[in-house]
Amino acid sequence: MFSKNTKSKDLDRDQRELFEHAQDRIKQKKRLTQHFVIFLAGSILLIVINVVLGYGKDVKLFGADWFVWAILLWTFFFLVHALNVVITNKFMGKEWEQKQMDKLVEKQKKKIEEMRQKVAVDMPVPEKKSNLQNQRPTDPNLPLNS
């Protein structure tokens, strides 16, 4: 009745981590979708500005209109964002982070152990003098040979 159930705490922590990871993934996908919608609207706006309104009609870069280059550049950034959300996160997700963390912790433990061994060799702890520690303090009122 009053015992603490440590299993439920571990489950709660694991469930909380899973929940937080799911929330992060939802935010990433939501931002990617927003980026795509803004990309489409912005591309249409750039085309309308150039073709319909005639703004910058005479500006050409490498034989193509300026808005084409702007849309291509924006497409590149969108593809980088999409690859980051869809592919990179799968390969470098939570499990990858945990493996990397475990590797780094293990490496740090090895370094600490090597340093401890080096300190033990370079600066050994002085041996305790057992004779002095085992003697009782002498009472000044007692004779020396008692």
Protein backbone atom coordinates (compact mmCIF):
# COMPACT_ATOMS: atom_id res chain seq x y z
CA MET A 1 0.00 0.00 0.00
CA PHE A 2 2.75 2.47 0.98
CA SER A 3 5.55 0.95 -1.09
CA LYS A 4 7.00 2.96 -3.92
CA ASN A 5 6.63 1.43 -7.33
CA THR A 6 9.79 2.34 -9.25
CA LYS A 7 8.58 0.55 -12.37
CA SER A 8 5.75 3.01 -12.85
CA LYS A 9 8.17 5.94 -12.52
CA ASP A 10 10.37 4.48 -15.26
CA LEU A 11 7.33 3.89 -17.44
CA ASP A 12 6.10 7.42 -16.83
CA ARG A 13 9.51 8.85 -17.75
CA ASP A 14 9.69 6.69 -20.89
CA GLN A 15 6.15 7.61 -21.87
CA ARG A 16 6.90 11.27 -21.28
CA GLU A 17 10.02 11.06 -23.48
CA LEU A 18 8.03 9.33 -26.22
CA PHE A 19 5.32 11.95 -25.95
CA GLU A 20 7.83 14.82 -26.13
CA HIS A 21 9.57 13.21 -29.12
CA ALA A 22 6.22 12.83 -30.87
CA GLN A 23 5.43 16.50 -30.19
CA ASP A 24 8.79 17.56 -31.63
CA ARG A 25 8.21 15.50 -34.78
CA ILE A 26 4.73 17.01 -35.19
CA LYS A 27 6.21 20.52 -34.88
CA GLN A 28 8.88 19.70 -37.47
CA LYS A 29 6.33 18.34 -39.94
CA LYS A 30 4.01 21.27 -39.30
CA ARG A 31 6.82 23.75 -40.00
CA LEU A 32 7.71 21.86 -43.18
CA THR A 33 4.11 22.05 -44.38
CA GLN A 34 4.00 25.77 -43.56
CA HIS A 35 7.25 26.26 -45.47
CA PHE A 36 5.77 24.47 -48.48
CA VAL A 37 2.59 26.59 -48.46
CA ILE A 38 4.61 29.81 -48.13
CA PHE A 39 6.93 28.57 -50.89
CA LEU A 40 3.99 28.00 -53.27
CA ALA A 41 2.36 31.34 -52.44
CA GLY A 42 5.67 33.18 -52.71
CA SER A 43 6.51 31.57 -56.04
CA ILE A 44 3.15 32.51 -57.48
CA LEU A 45 3.60 36.05 -56.13
CA LEU A 46 7.05 36.35 -57.74
CA ILE A 47 5.66 35.19 -61.10
CA VAL A 48 2.74 37.62 -60.86
CA ILE A 49 5.06 40.49 -59.94
CA ASN A 50 7.28 39.82 -62.95
CA VAL A 51 4.89 38.65 -65.65
CA VAL A 52 1.65 40.50 -64.87
CA LEU A 53 2.95 43.70 -63.24
CA GLY A 54 6.09 43.84 -65.36
CA TYR A 55 8.41 44.60 -62.43
CA GLY A 56 11.98 43.67 -63.34
CA LYS A 57 11.00 42.40 -66.79
CA ASP A 58 14.32 43.50 -68.22
CA VAL A 59 16.42 41.83 -65.48
CA LYS A 60 17.83 38.53 -66.66
CA LEU A 61 20.47 36.35 -65.01
CA PHE A 62 22.25 33.84 -67.25
CA GLY A 63 19.47 34.13 -69.83
CA ALA A 64 16.57 33.53 -67.41
CA ASP A 65 14.27 35.94 -65.62
CA TRP A 66 15.22 36.93 -62.08
CA PHE A 67 12.15 35.31 -60.53
CA VAL A 68 13.17 31.93 -61.94
CA TRP A 69 16.46 32.13 -60.06
CA ALA A 70 14.70 33.31 -56.90
CA ILE A 71 12.28 30.36 -57.10
CA LEU A 72 15.14 27.90 -57.77
CA LEU A 73 17.06 29.21 -54.76
CA TRP A 74 13.97 28.98 -52.60
CA THR A 75 13.37 25.42 -53.91
CA PHE A 76 16.87 24.47 -52.83
CA PHE A 77 16.26 25.76 -49.30
CA PHE A 78 12.91 23.97 -49.14
CA LEU A 79 14.50 20.69 -50.25
CA VAL A 80 17.20 21.05 -47.61
CA HIS A 81 14.47 21.60 -45.00
CA ALA A 82 12.50 18.59 -46.27
CA LEU A 83 15.57 16.33 -46.26
CA ASN A 84 16.36 17.43 -42.73
CA VAL A 85 12.86 16.61 -41.48
CA VAL A 86 12.21 13.43 -43.46
CA ILE A 87 15.57 11.71 -43.94
CA THR A 88 18.15 13.09 -41.54
CA ASN A 89 15.85 12.85 -38.55
CA LYS A 90 15.21 9.17 -39.26
CA PHE A 91 18.91 8.35 -39.39
CA MET A 92 19.95 10.77 -36.70
CA GLY A 93 16.91 10.55 -34.49
CA LYS A 94 16.48 9.76 -30.83
CA GLU A 95 18.15 6.33 -30.99
CA TRP A 96 21.16 7.75 -32.81
CA GLU A 97 21.47 10.51 -30.19
CA GLN A 98 21.29 7.93 -27.39
CA LYS A 99 24.01 5.78 -29.02
CA GLN A 100 26.25 8.81 -29.45
CA MET A 101 25.63 9.83 -25.84
CA ASP A 102 26.49 6.33 -24.62
CA LYS A 103 29.71 6.34 -26.66
CA LEU A 104 30.76 9.70 -25.27
CA VAL A 105 29.95 8.69 -21.70
CA GLU A 106 31.94 5.46 -22.08
CA LYS A 107 34.87 7.36 -23.56
CA GLN A 108 34.76 9.83 -20.66
CA LYS A 109 34.67 7.00 -18.12
CA LYS A 110 37.76 5.46 -19.73
CA LYS A 111 39.60 8.79 -19.58
CA ILE A 112 38.67 9.23 -15.92
CA GLU A 113 39.88 5.73 -15.10
CA GLU A 114 43.17 6.33 -16.94
CA MET A 115 43.64 9.56 -15.01
CA ARG A 116 42.94 7.80 -11.71
CA GLN A 117 45.50 5.12 -12.52
CA LYS A 118 48.07 7.74 -13.50
CA VAL A 119 47.46 9.67 -10.28
CA ALA A 120 47.74 6.45 -8.26
CA VAL A 121 51.13 5.74 -9.88
CA ASP A 122 52.48 9.30 -9.82
CA MET A 123 51.22 10.29 -6.38
CA PRO A 124 50.55 7.24 -4.23
CA VAL A 125 48.67 7.67 -1.00
CA PRO A 126 51.05 7.44 1.96
CA GLU A 127 50.80 4.28 4.00
CA LYS A 128 49.19 4.54 7.39
CA LYS A 129 51.38 3.93 10.38
CA SER A 130 49.43 1.29 12.18
CA ASN A 131 51.56 1.33 15.37
CA LEU A 132 50.79 4.93 16.14
CA GLN A 133 47.11 4.64 15.34
CA ASN A 134 46.51 1.51 17.43
CA GLN A 135 48.08 2.94 20.58
CA ARG A 136 45.80 4.41 23.14
CA PRO A 137 46.59 7.87 24.30
CA THR A 138 48.61 7.72 27.43
CA ASP A 139 47.16 9.02 30.61
CA PRO A 140 49.61 11.34 32.32
CA ASN A 141 48.55 9.97 35.71
CA LEU A 142 49.50 6.36 34.85
CA PRO A 143 53.05 5.00 34.96
CA LEU A 144 54.80 4.43 31.61
CA ASN A 145 55.12 0.63 31.88
CA SER A 146 51.52 -0.18 32.72
